[in-house]
PDB file of N, CA and C in Angstrom:
ATOM      1  N   MET A   1     -21.772  10.527 -21.928  1.00  0.00           N
ATOM      2  CA  MET A   1     -22.286   9.900 -20.737  1.00  0.00           C
ATOM      3  C   MET A   1     -21.618   8.537 -20.589  1.00  0.00           C
ATOM      4  N   GLY A   2     -21.341   8.161 -19.349  1.00  0.00           N
ATOM      5  CA  GLY A   2     -20.665   6.899 -19.069  1.00  0.00           C
ATOM      6  C   GLY A   2     -21.614   5.718 -19.040  1.00  0.00           C
ATOM      7  N   ILE A   3     -21.089   4.621 -18.588  1.00  0.00           N
ATOM      8  CA  ILE A   3     -21.855   3.384 -18.482  1.00  0.00           C
ATOM      9  C   ILE A   3     -22.600   3.393 -17.152  1.00  0.00           C
ATOM     10  N   PRO A   4     -23.904   3.063 -17.166  1.00  0.00           N
ATOM     11  CA  PRO A   4     -24.644   3.027 -15.902  1.00  0.00           C
ATOM     12  C   PRO A   4     -24.121   1.911 -14.992  1.00  0.00           C
ATOM     13  N   LEU A   5     -24.157   2.168 -13.699  1.00  0.00           N
ATOM     14  CA  LEU A   5     -23.646   1.228 -12.722  1.00  0.00           C
ATOM     15  C   LEU A   5     -24.796   0.752 -11.847  1.00  0.00           C
ATOM     16  N   MET A   6     -24.975  -0.554 -11.753  1.00  0.00           N
ATOM     17  CA  MET A   6     -26.028  -1.113 -10.914  1.00  0.00           C
ATOM     18  C   MET A   6     -25.523  -1.176  -9.474  1.00  0.00           C
ATOM     19  N   ILE A   7     -26.180  -0.469  -8.587  1.00  0.00           N
ATOM     20  CA  ILE A   7     -25.739  -0.377  -7.199  1.00  0.00           C
ATOM     21  C   ILE A   7     -26.842  -0.931  -6.294  1.00  0.00           C
ATOM     22  N   GLN A   8     -26.438  -1.769  -5.348  1.00  0.00           N
ATOM     23  CA  GLN A   8     -27.374  -2.305  -4.362  1.00  0.00           C
ATOM     24  C   GLN A   8     -27.869  -1.174  -3.467  1.00  0.00           C
ATOM     25  N   LYS A   9     -29.034  -1.376  -2.868  1.00  0.00           N
ATOM     26  CA  LYS A   9     -29.632  -0.342  -2.018  1.00  0.00           C
ATOM     27  C   LYS A   9     -28.714   0.014  -0.849  1.00  0.00           C
ATOM     28  N   LYS A  10     -28.124  -0.994  -0.196  1.00  0.00           N
ATOM     29  CA  LYS A  10     -27.225  -0.732   0.937  1.00  0.00           C
ATOM     30  C   LYS A  10     -26.009   0.083   0.498  1.00  0.00           C
ATOM     31  N   ASP A  11     -25.460  -0.270  -0.667  1.00  0.00           N
ATOM     32  CA  ASP A  11     -24.299   0.459  -1.174  1.00  0.00           C
ATOM     33  C   ASP A  11     -24.662   1.902  -1.501  1.00  0.00           C
ATOM     34  N   ASN A  12     -25.834   2.097  -2.049  1.00  0.00           N
ATOM     35  CA  ASN A  12     -26.304   3.444  -2.361  1.00  0.00           C
ATOM     36  C   ASN A  12     -26.408   4.280  -1.083  1.00  0.00           C
ATOM     37  N   GLU A  13     -26.913   3.658  -0.013  1.00  0.00           N
ATOM     38  CA  GLU A  13     -27.027   4.375   1.266  1.00  0.00           C
ATOM     39  C   GLU A  13     -25.641   4.728   1.803  1.00  0.00           C
ATOM     40  N   ARG A  14     -24.695   3.821   1.652  1.00  0.00           N
ATOM     41  CA  ARG A  14     -23.326   4.095   2.098  1.00  0.00           C
ATOM     42  C   ARG A  14     -22.726   5.250   1.309  1.00  0.00           C
ATOM     43  N   ILE A  15     -22.959   5.261   0.013  1.00  0.00           N
ATOM     44  CA  ILE A  15     -22.445   6.343  -0.834  1.00  0.00           C
ATOM     45  C   ILE A  15     -23.074   7.671  -0.434  1.00  0.00           C
ATOM     46  N   GLU A  16     -24.374   7.665  -0.215  1.00  0.00           N
ATOM     47  CA  GLU A  16     -25.062   8.895   0.196  1.00  0.00           C
ATOM     48  C   GLU A  16     -24.517   9.404   1.532  1.00  0.00           C
ATOM     49  N   HIS A  17     -24.245   8.489   2.451  1.00  0.00           N
ATOM     50  CA  HIS A  17     -23.688   8.873   3.748  1.00  0.00           C
ATOM     51  C   HIS A  17     -22.302   9.505   3.569  1.00  0.00           C
ATOM     52  N   LEU A  18     -21.489   8.902   2.709  1.00  0.00           N
ATOM     53  CA  LEU A  18     -20.158   9.461   2.446  1.00  0.00           C
ATOM     54  C   LEU A  18     -20.238  10.817   1.752  1.00  0.00           C
ATOM     55  N   LYS A  19     -21.213  10.973   0.868  1.00  0.00           N
ATOM     56  CA  LYS A  19     -21.394  12.270   0.202  1.00  0.00           C
ATOM     57  C   LYS A  19     -21.625  13.357   1.235  1.00  0.00           C
ATOM     58  N   LYS A  20     -22.475  13.073   2.214  1.00  0.00           N
ATOM     59  CA  LYS A  20     -22.757  14.059   3.262  1.00  0.00           C
ATOM     60  C   LYS A  20     -21.519  14.311   4.118  1.00  0.00           C
ATOM     61  N   ASP A  21     -20.824  13.231   4.510  1.00  0.00           N
ATOM     62  CA  ASP A  21     -19.646  13.371   5.376  1.00  0.00           C
ATOM     63  C   ASP A  21     -18.544  14.197   4.736  1.00  0.00           C
ATOM     64  N   PHE A  22     -18.318  14.006   3.437  1.00  0.00           N
ATOM     65  CA  PHE A  22     -17.233  14.692   2.754  1.00  0.00           C
ATOM     66  C   PHE A  22     -17.684  15.946   2.004  1.00  0.00           C
ATOM     67  N   GLY A  23     -18.976  16.215   2.010  1.00  0.00           N
ATOM     68  CA  GLY A  23     -19.480  17.390   1.303  1.00  0.00           C
ATOM     69  C   GLY A  23     -19.327  17.276  -0.208  1.00  0.00           C
ATOM     70  N   ILE A  24     -19.535  16.075  -0.712  1.00  0.00           N
ATOM     71  CA  ILE A  24     -19.390  15.815  -2.141  1.00  0.00           C
ATOM     72  C   ILE A  24     -20.768  15.856  -2.786  1.00  0.00           C
ATOM     73  N   GLU A  25     -20.850  16.411  -3.990  1.00  0.00           N
ATOM     74  CA  GLU A  25     -22.142  16.570  -4.653  1.00  0.00           C
ATOM     75  C   GLU A  25     -22.582  15.336  -5.432  1.00  0.00           C
ATOM     76  N   LYS A  26     -21.633  14.644  -6.065  1.00  0.00           N
ATOM     77  CA  LYS A  26     -22.005  13.558  -6.973  1.00  0.00           C
ATOM     78  C   LYS A  26     -21.528  12.202  -6.453  1.00  0.00           C
ATOM     79  N   LYS A  27     -22.305  11.173  -6.735  1.00  0.00           N
ATOM     80  CA  LYS A  27     -21.941   9.818  -6.342  1.00  0.00           C
ATOM     81  C   LYS A  27     -20.642   9.381  -7.011  1.00  0.00           C
ATOM     82  N   ILE A  28     -20.482   9.754  -8.250  1.00  0.00           N
ATOM     83  CA  ILE A  28     -19.299   9.336  -8.992  1.00  0.00           C
ATOM     84  C   ILE A  28     -18.026   9.871  -8.350  1.00  0.00           C
ATOM     85  N   ASP A  29     -18.116  11.038  -7.725  1.00  0.00           N
ATOM     86  CA  ASP A  29     -16.939  11.592  -7.052  1.00  0.00           C
ATOM     87  C   ASP A  29     -16.558  10.759  -5.829  1.00  0.00           C
ATOM     88  N   VAL A  30     -17.549  10.209  -5.136  1.00  0.00           N
ATOM     89  CA  VAL A  30     -17.283   9.307  -4.013  1.00  0.00           C
ATOM     90  C   VAL A  30     -16.597   8.044  -4.539  1.00  0.00           C
ATOM     91  N   ILE A  31     -17.099   7.514  -5.630  1.00  0.00           N
ATOM     92  CA  ILE A  31     -16.530   6.301  -6.214  1.00  0.00           C
ATOM     93  C   ILE A  31     -15.107   6.563  -6.710  1.00  0.00           C
ATOM     94  N   ARG A  32     -14.891   7.706  -7.324  1.00  0.00           N
ATOM     95  CA  ARG A  32     -13.540   8.053  -7.795  1.00  0.00           C
ATOM     96  C   ARG A  32     -12.569   8.176  -6.633  1.00  0.00           C
ATOM     97  N   MET A  33     -13.044   8.766  -5.529  1.00  0.00           N
ATOM     98  CA  MET A  33     -12.207   8.908  -4.342  1.00  0.00           C
ATOM     99  C   MET A  33     -11.823   7.517  -3.812  1.00  0.00           C
ATOM    100  N   ALA A  34     -12.794   6.620  -3.765  1.00  0.00           N
ATOM    101  CA  ALA A  34     -12.528   5.260  -3.293  1.00  0.00           C
ATOM    102  C   ALA A  34     -11.549   4.546  -4.224  1.00  0.00           C
ATOM    103  N   LEU A  35     -11.726   4.705  -5.523  1.00  0.00           N
ATOM    104  CA  LEU A  35     -10.819   4.078  -6.481  1.00  0.00           C
ATOM    105  C   LEU A  35      -9.389   4.602  -6.326  1.00  0.00           C
ATOM    106  N   SER A  36      -9.262   5.901  -6.107  1.00  0.00           N
ATOM    107  CA  SER A  36      -7.929   6.490  -5.913  1.00  0.00           C
ATOM    108  C   SER A  36      -7.254   5.894  -4.687  1.00  0.00           C
ATOM    109  N   LEU A  37      -8.008   5.756  -3.594  1.00  0.00           N
ATOM    110  CA  LEU A  37      -7.449   5.173  -2.375  1.00  0.00           C
ATOM    111  C   LEU A  37      -7.048   3.719  -2.594  1.00  0.00           C
ATOM    112  N   MET A  38      -7.862   2.990  -3.321  1.00  0.00           N
ATOM    113  CA  MET A  38      -7.545   1.590  -3.603  1.00  0.00           C
ATOM    114  C   MET A  38      -6.310   1.469  -4.484  1.00  0.00           C
ATOM    115  N   GLU A  39      -6.169   2.361  -5.463  1.00  0.00           N
ATOM    116  CA  GLU A  39      -4.987   2.349  -6.329  1.00  0.00           C
ATOM    117  C   GLU A  39      -3.726   2.651  -5.525  1.00  0.00           C
ATOM    118  N   LYS A  40      -3.799   3.619  -4.612  1.00  0.00           N
ATOM    119  CA  LYS A  40      -2.642   3.941  -3.772  1.00  0.00           C
ATOM    120  C   LYS A  40      -2.262   2.760  -2.889  1.00  0.00           C
ATOM    121  N   GLU A  41      -3.262   2.070  -2.344  1.00  0.00           N
ATOM    122  CA  GLU A  41      -2.989   0.904  -1.508  1.00  0.00           C
ATOM    123  C   GLU A  41      -2.362  -0.220  -2.334  1.00  0.00           C
ATOM    124  N   ALA A  42      -2.850  -0.423  -3.550  1.00  0.00           N
ATOM    125  CA  ALA A  42      -2.285  -1.449  -4.427  1.00  0.00           C
ATOM    126  C   ALA A  42      -0.828  -1.108  -4.770  1.00  0.00           C
ATOM    127  N   GLN A  43      -0.528   0.155  -4.987  1.00  0.00           N
ATOM    128  CA  GLN A  43       0.841   0.577  -5.266  1.00  0.00           C
ATOM    129  C   GLN A  43       1.736   0.343  -4.058  1.00  0.00           C
ATOM    130  N   ARG A  44       1.199   0.626  -2.865  1.00  0.00           N
ATOM    131  CA  ARG A  44       1.962   0.421  -1.640  1.00  0.00           C
ATOM    132  C   ARG A  44       2.271  -1.062  -1.448  1.00  0.00           C
ATOM    133  N   ILE A  45       1.279  -1.913  -1.684  1.00  0.00           N
ATOM    134  CA  ILE A  45       1.475  -3.355  -1.541  1.00  0.00           C
ATOM    135  C   ILE A  45       2.532  -3.847  -2.531  1.00  0.00           C
ATOM    136  N   ALA A  46       2.483  -3.371  -3.758  1.00  0.00           N
ATOM    137  CA  ALA A  46       3.476  -3.760  -4.768  1.00  0.00           C
ATOM    138  C   ALA A  46       4.868  -3.282  -4.373  1.00  0.00           C
ATOM    139  N   ARG A  47       4.960  -2.072  -3.829  1.00  0.00           N
ATOM    140  CA  ARG A  47       6.250  -1.519  -3.405  1.00  0.00           C
ATOM    141  C   ARG A  47       6.841  -2.359  -2.266  1.00  0.00           C
ATOM    142  N   VAL A  48       6.017  -2.720  -1.290  1.00  0.00           N
ATOM    143  CA  VAL A  48       6.482  -3.541  -0.167  1.00  0.00           C
ATOM    144  C   VAL A  48       6.925  -4.912  -0.673  1.00  0.00           C
ATOM    145  N   ARG A  49       6.185  -5.475  -1.617  1.00  0.00           N
ATOM    146  CA  ARG A  49       6.553  -6.763  -2.196  1.00  0.00           C
ATOM    147  C   ARG A  49       7.927  -6.679  -2.872  1.00  0.00           C
ATOM    148  N   ARG A  50       8.176  -5.581  -3.603  1.00  0.00           N
ATOM    149  CA  ARG A  50       9.490  -5.396  -4.255  1.00  0.00           C
ATOM    150  C   ARG A  50      10.598  -5.258  -3.215  1.00  0.00           C
ATOM    151  N   TRP A  51      10.329  -4.499  -2.128  1.00  0.00           N
ATOM    152  CA  TRP A  51      11.332  -4.315  -1.075  1.00  0.00           C
ATOM    153  C   TRP A  51      11.676  -5.640  -0.412  1.00  0.00           C
ATOM    154  N   LYS A  52      10.650  -6.449  -0.136  1.00  0.00           N
ATOM    155  CA  LYS A  52      10.903  -7.748   0.493  1.00  0.00           C
ATOM    156  C   LYS A  52      11.729  -8.637  -0.429  1.00  0.00           C
ATOM    157  N   HIS A  53      11.403  -8.599  -1.706  1.00  0.00           N
ATOM    158  CA  HIS A  53      12.160  -9.400  -2.681  1.00  0.00           C
ATOM    159  C   HIS A  53      13.617  -8.934  -2.733  1.00  0.00           C
ATOM    160  N   ALA A  54      13.834  -7.635  -2.779  1.00  0.00           N
ATOM    161  CA  ALA A  54      15.195  -7.092  -2.832  1.00  0.00           C
ATOM    162  C   ALA A  54      15.962  -7.440  -1.560  1.00  0.00           C
ATOM    163  N   ALA A  55      15.294  -7.348  -0.413  1.00  0.00           N
ATOM    164  CA  ALA A  55      15.954  -7.677   0.850  1.00  0.00           C
ATOM    165  C   ALA A  55      16.340  -9.153   0.889  1.00  0.00           C
ATOM    166  N   LYS A  56      15.483  -9.999   0.357  1.00  0.00           N
ATOM    167  CA  LYS A  56      15.770 -11.434   0.328  1.00  0.00           C
ATOM    168  C   LYS A  56      16.978 -11.720  -0.568  1.00  0.00           C
ATOM    169  N   LEU A  57      17.103 -10.979  -1.671  1.00  0.00           N
ATOM    170  CA  LEU A  57      18.221 -11.191  -2.596  1.00  0.00           C
ATOM    171  C   LEU A  57      19.564 -10.809  -1.985  1.00  0.00           C
ATOM    172  N   VAL A  58      19.599  -9.774  -1.175  1.00  0.00           N
ATOM    173  CA  VAL A  58      20.869  -9.295  -0.632  1.00  0.00           C
ATOM    174  C   VAL A  58      21.144  -9.796   0.783  1.00  0.00           C
ATOM    175  N   ALA A  59      20.206 -10.479   1.402  1.00  0.00           N
ATOM    176  CA  ALA A  59      20.351 -10.881   2.800  1.00  0.00           C
ATOM    177  C   ALA A  59      21.574 -11.766   3.026  1.00  0.00           C
ATOM    178  N   ASN A  60      21.778 -12.752   2.193  1.00  0.00           N
ATOM    179  CA  ASN A  60      22.903 -13.679   2.381  1.00  0.00           C
ATOM    180  C   ASN A  60      24.231 -12.954   2.259  1.00  0.00           C
ATOM    181  N   ASN A  61      24.373 -12.143   1.235  1.00  0.00           N
ATOM    182  CA  ASN A  61      25.612 -11.391   1.030  1.00  0.00           C
ATOM    183  C   ASN A  61      25.830 -10.392   2.160  1.00  0.00           C
ATOM    184  N   SER A  62      24.769  -9.750   2.603  1.00  0.00           N
ATOM    185  CA  SER A  62      24.858  -8.780   3.685  1.00  0.00           C
ATOM    186  C   SER A  62      25.342  -9.458   4.965  1.00  0.00           C
ATOM    187  N   HIS A  63      24.848 -10.646   5.210  1.00  0.00           N
ATOM    188  CA  HIS A  63      25.266 -11.399   6.398  1.00  0.00           C
ATOM    189  C   HIS A  63      26.769 -11.703   6.341  1.00  0.00           C
ATOM    190  N   LYS A  64      27.268 -12.090   5.172  1.00  0.00           N
ATOM    191  CA  LYS A  64      28.697 -12.379   4.998  1.00  0.00           C
ATOM    192  C   LYS A  64      29.537 -11.133   5.243  1.00  0.00           C
ATOM    193  N   VAL A  65      29.110 -10.001   4.714  1.00  0.00           N
ATOM    194  CA  VAL A  65      29.854  -8.750   4.884  1.00  0.00           C
ATOM    195  C   VAL A  65      29.871  -8.341   6.351  1.00  0.00           C
ATOM    196  N   ASN A  66      28.766  -8.476   7.032  1.00  0.00           N
ATOM    197  CA  ASN A  66      28.710  -8.123   8.455  1.00  0.00           C
ATOM    198  C   ASN A  66      29.647  -9.016   9.277  1.00  0.00           C
ATOM    199  N   LYS A  67      29.703 -10.292   8.961  1.00  0.00           N
ATOM    200  CA  LYS A  67      30.619 -11.191   9.674  1.00  0.00           C
ATOM    201  C   LYS A  67      32.068 -10.774   9.440  1.00  0.00           C
ATOM    202  N   GLU A  68      32.382 -10.359   8.205  1.00  0.00           N
ATOM    203  CA  GLU A  68      33.734  -9.926   7.880  1.00  0.00           C
ATOM    204  C   GLU A  68      34.114  -8.692   8.698  1.00  0.00           C
ATOM    205  N   PHE A  69      33.213  -7.760   8.867  1.00  0.00           N
ATOM    206  CA  PHE A  69      33.479  -6.567   9.673  1.00  0.00           C
ATOM    207  C   PHE A  69      33.681  -6.949  11.136  1.00  0.00           C
ATOM    208  N   GLN A  70      32.944  -7.919  11.614  1.00  0.00           N
ATOM    209  CA  GLN A  70      33.068  -8.320  13.018  1.00  0.00           C
ATOM    210  C   GLN A  70      34.439  -8.938  13.303  1.00  0.00           C
ATOM    211  N   ARG A  71      35.007  -9.646  12.349  1.00  0.00           N
ATOM    212  CA  ARG A  71      36.321 -10.257  12.546  1.00  0.00           C
ATOM    213  C   ARG A  71      37.406  -9.211  12.780  1.00  0.00           C
ATOM    214  N   HIS A  72      37.270  -8.082  12.118  1.00  0.00           N
ATOM    215  CA  HIS A  72      38.314  -7.046  12.197  1.00  0.00           C
ATOM    216  C   HIS A  72      37.975  -5.948  13.206  1.00  0.00           C
ATOM    217  N   SER A  73      36.936  -6.154  13.960  1.00  0.00           N
ATOM    218  CA  SER A  73      36.518  -5.150  14.927  1.00  0.00           C
ATOM    219  C   SER A  73      37.518  -5.059  16.072  1.00  0.00           C
ATOM    220  N   ARG A  74      37.738  -3.865  16.580  1.00  0.00           N
ATOM    221  CA  ARG A  74      38.615  -3.688  17.733  1.00  0.00           C
ATOM    222  C   ARG A  74      37.944  -4.156  19.006  1.00  0.00           C
ATOM    223  N   ILE A  75      36.630  -4.103  19.011  1.00  0.00           N
ATOM    224  CA  ILE A  75      35.877  -4.556  20.185  1.00  0.00           C
ATOM    225  C   ILE A  75      35.575  -6.026  19.991  1.00  0.00           C
ATOM    226  N   LYS A  76      36.139  -6.832  20.838  1.00  0.00           N
ATOM    227  CA  LYS A  76      35.956  -8.282  20.744  1.00  0.00           C
ATOM    228  C   LYS A  76      34.902  -8.706  21.734  1.00  0.00           C
ATOM    229  N   GLU A  77      33.975  -9.513  21.249  1.00  0.00           N
ATOM    230  CA  GLU A  77      32.959 -10.055  22.146  1.00  0.00           C
ATOM    231  C   GLU A  77      33.432 -11.426  22.613  1.00  0.00           C
ATOM    232  N   ASP A  78      33.292 -11.674  23.899  1.00  0.00           N
ATOM    233  CA  ASP A  78      33.715 -12.977  24.432  1.00  0.00           C
ATOM    234  C   ASP A  78      32.548 -13.907  24.563  1.00  0.00           C
TER     235      ASP A  78
END
């Protein structure tokens, strides 16, 4: 048996409502579902943070390379 969890009355009502909406039998399954969703969101946030960091690292070099391609372009902008 796990550790008992102290739940406020309002939270208990919310869990019961979700149990009915999703057809879930146990409260713990509702909590596990919520934890899974939160973990996925945390992973997504971490992934976006890594992408932004990587983009920031290559942005300056990318800008230089793009300028170099523009110099040799056949289409000249006036």
